[in-house]
Every structure is written in structure tokens, then in C-alpha cells.
Amino acid sequence: MNSFKEIVDLGEFHNSYRVISKDAYFIEFESKDEKQKIEEIKELLKISDLKDKAIGSIVFEHRKENIKAFYYLLKNKVFNGKESINYIRKSIIYRVRRLSGIIF
């Protein structure tokens, strides 16, 4: 866009918007708190014009993963080479350390 600055006057557009990579967007998104993430997702859904059924299918896939994880915990099935209870225990410990800044 800036390479065409001589041809097109960017004016207010240049100060209002910026082009970022998808990876940069995800990094920025991850650093937001839950309330900010929800508001941003609402805005993206409004812009995307997705139908309710499409949004429901996204939620359904996430729900299936949660139910499967819960089932594995109930049955203590092997997951990634470890019993589910031990796997989730290490995962929780890692998340707590990450949130508290104690990652080594």
C-alpha cells in the first residue's frame, strides 16, 4: 500500500488501519484477556456474516473434544503414551506455571 502512496493519497486510511500478518494477529489476540477476546470474536462474527448453523458447528467440534477428554479421564485411558489422569495433571501444572510466569 505504501508503494502506491505517490498515486493514491492514503490520508486518514493510513492512520486508521494497518496491515499485519495472520501470525502477528494471533500473537496479539492471545495476549488479550477473555472479555476482550469475546468482544473481538463478536465483531469478527458480525463482519464475517456467518450463519448460525456454521457458528454452531464450530462450537459443536469444541464440545466433542471436551466430551472426549472427559470420557478419557473417567476411564483413565492412555493418551499420548500416558494415563489420562497423569497427562492432564502435567498439563494443568504447565498452565499454572505459564500463567504465574514460572516457566523454565
C-alpha atoms as a PDB file:
ATOM      1  CA  MET A   1       0.000   0.000   0.000  1.00  0.00           C
ATOM      2  CA  ASN A   2       2.759   2.432   0.855  1.00  0.00           C
ATOM      3  CA  SER A   3       4.417   1.762  -2.508  1.00  0.00           C
ATOM      4  CA  PHE A   4       1.419   3.437  -4.183  1.00  0.00           C
ATOM      5  CA  LYS A   5       1.487   6.466  -1.913  1.00  0.00           C
ATOM      6  CA  GLU A   6       2.503   8.770  -4.769  1.00  0.00           C
ATOM      7  CA  ILE A   7      -0.507   7.665  -6.840  1.00  0.00           C
ATOM      8  CA  VAL A   8      -3.135   7.386  -4.100  1.00  0.00           C
ATOM      9  CA  ASP A   9      -3.487   9.724  -1.143  1.00  0.00           C
ATOM     10  CA  LEU A  10      -3.795   7.449   1.910  1.00  0.00           C
ATOM     11  CA  GLY A  11      -4.856  10.296   4.168  1.00  0.00           C
ATOM     12  CA  GLU A  12      -6.944   9.124   7.121  1.00  0.00           C
ATOM     13  CA  PHE A  13      -6.844   5.489   5.993  1.00  0.00           C
ATOM     14  CA  HIS A  14      -3.137   5.292   6.744  1.00  0.00           C
ATOM     15  CA  ASN A  15      -3.674   6.445  10.333  1.00  0.00           C
ATOM     16  CA  SER A  16      -6.739   4.242  10.969  1.00  0.00           C
ATOM     17  CA  TYR A  17      -5.705   0.847   9.621  1.00  0.00           C
ATOM     18  CA  ARG A  18      -2.569  -1.214   9.432  1.00  0.00           C
ATOM     19  CA  VAL A  19      -1.748  -4.397   7.603  1.00  0.00           C
ATOM     20  CA  ILE A  20      -0.495  -7.211   9.819  1.00  0.00           C
ATOM     21  CA  SER A  21       0.295 -10.849   9.207  1.00  0.00           C
ATOM     22  CA  LYS A  22      -2.024 -13.571  10.442  1.00  0.00           C
ATOM     23  CA  ASP A  23       0.647 -14.754  12.903  1.00  0.00           C
ATOM     24  CA  ALA A  24       1.026 -11.249  14.353  1.00  0.00           C
ATOM     25  CA  TYR A  25      -2.746 -11.051  14.775  1.00  0.00           C
ATOM     26  CA  PHE A  26      -2.854 -14.368  16.660  1.00  0.00           C
ATOM     27  CA  ILE A  27       0.015 -13.314  18.925  1.00  0.00           C
ATOM     28  CA  GLU A  28      -1.784 -10.059  19.702  1.00  0.00           C
ATOM     29  CA  PHE A  29      -5.080 -11.917  20.231  1.00  0.00           C
ATOM     30  CA  GLU A  30      -3.525 -14.407  22.687  1.00  0.00           C
ATOM     31  CA  SER A  31      -2.291 -11.571  24.888  1.00  0.00           C
ATOM     32  CA  LYS A  32      -5.807 -10.178  25.406  1.00  0.00           C
ATOM     33  CA  ASP A  33      -7.966 -11.040  28.387  1.00  0.00           C
ATOM     34  CA  GLU A  34     -11.085 -13.185  27.980  1.00  0.00           C
ATOM     35  CA  LYS A  35     -13.517 -10.262  27.828  1.00  0.00           C
ATOM     36  CA  GLN A  36     -11.516  -8.563  25.051  1.00  0.00           C
ATOM     37  CA  LYS A  37     -11.299 -11.846  23.121  1.00  0.00           C
ATOM     38  CA  ILE A  38     -15.069 -12.334  23.328  1.00  0.00           C
ATOM     39  CA  GLU A  39     -15.737  -8.799  22.081  1.00  0.00           C
ATOM     40  CA  GLU A  40     -13.307  -9.264  19.206  1.00  0.00           C
ATOM     41  CA  ILE A  41     -14.838 -12.614  18.240  1.00  0.00           C
ATOM     42  CA  LYS A  42     -18.298 -11.000  18.260  1.00  0.00           C
ATOM     43  CA  GLU A  43     -17.033  -8.298  15.933  1.00  0.00           C
ATOM     44  CA  LEU A  44     -15.403 -10.857  13.613  1.00  0.00           C
ATOM     45  CA  LEU A  45     -18.609 -12.911  13.505  1.00  0.00           C
ATOM     46  CA  LYS A  46     -20.632  -9.817  12.625  1.00  0.00           C
ATOM     47  CA  ILE A  47     -18.218  -8.903   9.828  1.00  0.00           C
ATOM     48  CA  SER A  48     -17.962 -12.479   8.520  1.00  0.00           C
ATOM     49  CA  ASP A  49     -21.727 -12.810   8.014  1.00  0.00           C
ATOM     50  CA  LEU A  50     -21.595 -16.467   9.067  1.00  0.00           C
ATOM     51  CA  LYS A  51     -24.904 -18.219   9.542  1.00  0.00           C
ATOM     52  CA  ASP A  52     -25.957 -19.547  12.955  1.00  0.00           C
ATOM     53  CA  LYS A  53     -25.550 -23.120  11.743  1.00  0.00           C
ATOM     54  CA  ALA A  54     -21.899 -22.513  10.775  1.00  0.00           C
ATOM     55  CA  ILE A  55     -21.144 -20.959  14.156  1.00  0.00           C
ATOM     56  CA  GLY A  56     -22.906 -23.859  15.882  1.00  0.00           C
ATOM     57  CA  SER A  57     -20.733 -26.356  14.018  1.00  0.00           C
ATOM     58  CA  ILE A  58     -17.594 -24.643  15.366  1.00  0.00           C
ATOM     59  CA  VAL A  59     -18.910 -24.841  18.923  1.00  0.00           C
ATOM     60  CA  PHE A  60     -20.003 -28.451  18.382  1.00  0.00           C
ATOM     61  CA  GLU A  61     -16.479 -29.512  17.357  1.00  0.00           C
ATOM     62  CA  HIS A  62     -15.046 -27.936  20.510  1.00  0.00           C
ATOM     63  CA  ARG A  63     -17.731 -29.601  22.628  1.00  0.00           C
ATOM     64  CA  LYS A  64     -16.911 -33.012  21.104  1.00  0.00           C
ATOM     65  CA  GLU A  65     -13.252 -32.560  22.081  1.00  0.00           C
ATOM     66  CA  ASN A  66     -14.240 -31.674  25.663  1.00  0.00           C
ATOM     67  CA  ILE A  67     -16.571 -34.667  25.961  1.00  0.00           C
ATOM     68  CA  LYS A  68     -13.877 -36.981  24.607  1.00  0.00           C
ATOM     69  CA  ALA A  69     -11.343 -35.595  27.099  1.00  0.00           C
ATOM     70  CA  PHE A  70     -13.827 -36.046  29.949  1.00  0.00           C
ATOM     71  CA  TYR A  71     -14.507 -39.641  28.844  1.00  0.00           C
ATOM     72  CA  TYR A  72     -10.763 -40.362  28.752  1.00  0.00           C
ATOM     73  CA  LEU A  73     -10.448 -39.013  32.289  1.00  0.00           C
ATOM     74  CA  LEU A  74     -13.370 -41.109  33.533  1.00  0.00           C
ATOM     75  CA  LYS A  75     -11.911 -44.279  32.043  1.00  0.00           C
ATOM     76  CA  ASN A  76      -8.283 -43.199  32.632  1.00  0.00           C
ATOM     77  CA  LYS A  77      -7.451 -44.209  29.059  1.00  0.00           C
ATOM     78  CA  VAL A  78      -3.939 -43.854  27.635  1.00  0.00           C
ATOM     79  CA  PHE A  79      -3.427 -40.542  25.851  1.00  0.00           C
ATOM     80  CA  ASN A  80      -0.110 -39.596  24.203  1.00  0.00           C
ATOM     81  CA  GLY A  81       1.569 -42.529  25.922  1.00  0.00           C
ATOM     82  CA  LYS A  82       0.403 -41.595  29.438  1.00  0.00           C
ATOM     83  CA  GLU A  83      -2.615 -42.392  31.555  1.00  0.00           C
ATOM     84  CA  SER A  84      -5.131 -39.584  31.093  1.00  0.00           C
ATOM     85  CA  ILE A  85      -5.037 -38.507  34.727  1.00  0.00           C
ATOM     86  CA  ASN A  86      -1.247 -38.096  34.656  1.00  0.00           C
ATOM     87  CA  TYR A  87      -1.385 -36.364  31.280  1.00  0.00           C
ATOM     88  CA  ILE A  88      -3.959 -33.809  32.427  1.00  0.00           C
ATOM     89  CA  ARG A  89      -2.148 -33.302  35.740  1.00  0.00           C
ATOM     90  CA  LYS A  90       1.059 -32.320  33.902  1.00  0.00           C
ATOM     91  CA  SER A  91      -0.935 -30.144  31.512  1.00  0.00           C
ATOM     92  CA  ILE A  92      -2.575 -28.281  34.409  1.00  0.00           C
ATOM     93  CA  ILE A  93       0.747 -27.812  36.187  1.00  0.00           C
ATOM     94  CA  TYR A  94       2.243 -26.391  32.981  1.00  0.00           C
ATOM     95  CA  ARG A  95      -0.674 -23.964  32.526  1.00  0.00           C
ATOM     96  CA  VAL A  96      -0.473 -22.769  36.138  1.00  0.00           C
ATOM     97  CA  ARG A  97       3.261 -22.207  35.796  1.00  0.00           C
ATOM     98  CA  ARG A  98       2.785 -20.393  32.485  1.00  0.00           C
ATOM     99  CA  LEU A  99       0.108 -18.123  33.934  1.00  0.00           C
ATOM    100  CA  SER A 100       2.178 -17.372  37.016  1.00  0.00           C
ATOM    101  CA  GLY A 101       5.366 -16.769  34.994  1.00  0.00           C
ATOM    102  CA  ILE A 102       7.305 -19.718  36.440  1.00  0.00           C
ATOM    103  CA  ILE A 103       8.116 -21.395  33.106  1.00  0.00           C
ATOM    104  CA  PHE A 104      11.693 -22.628  32.940  1.00  0.00           C
END
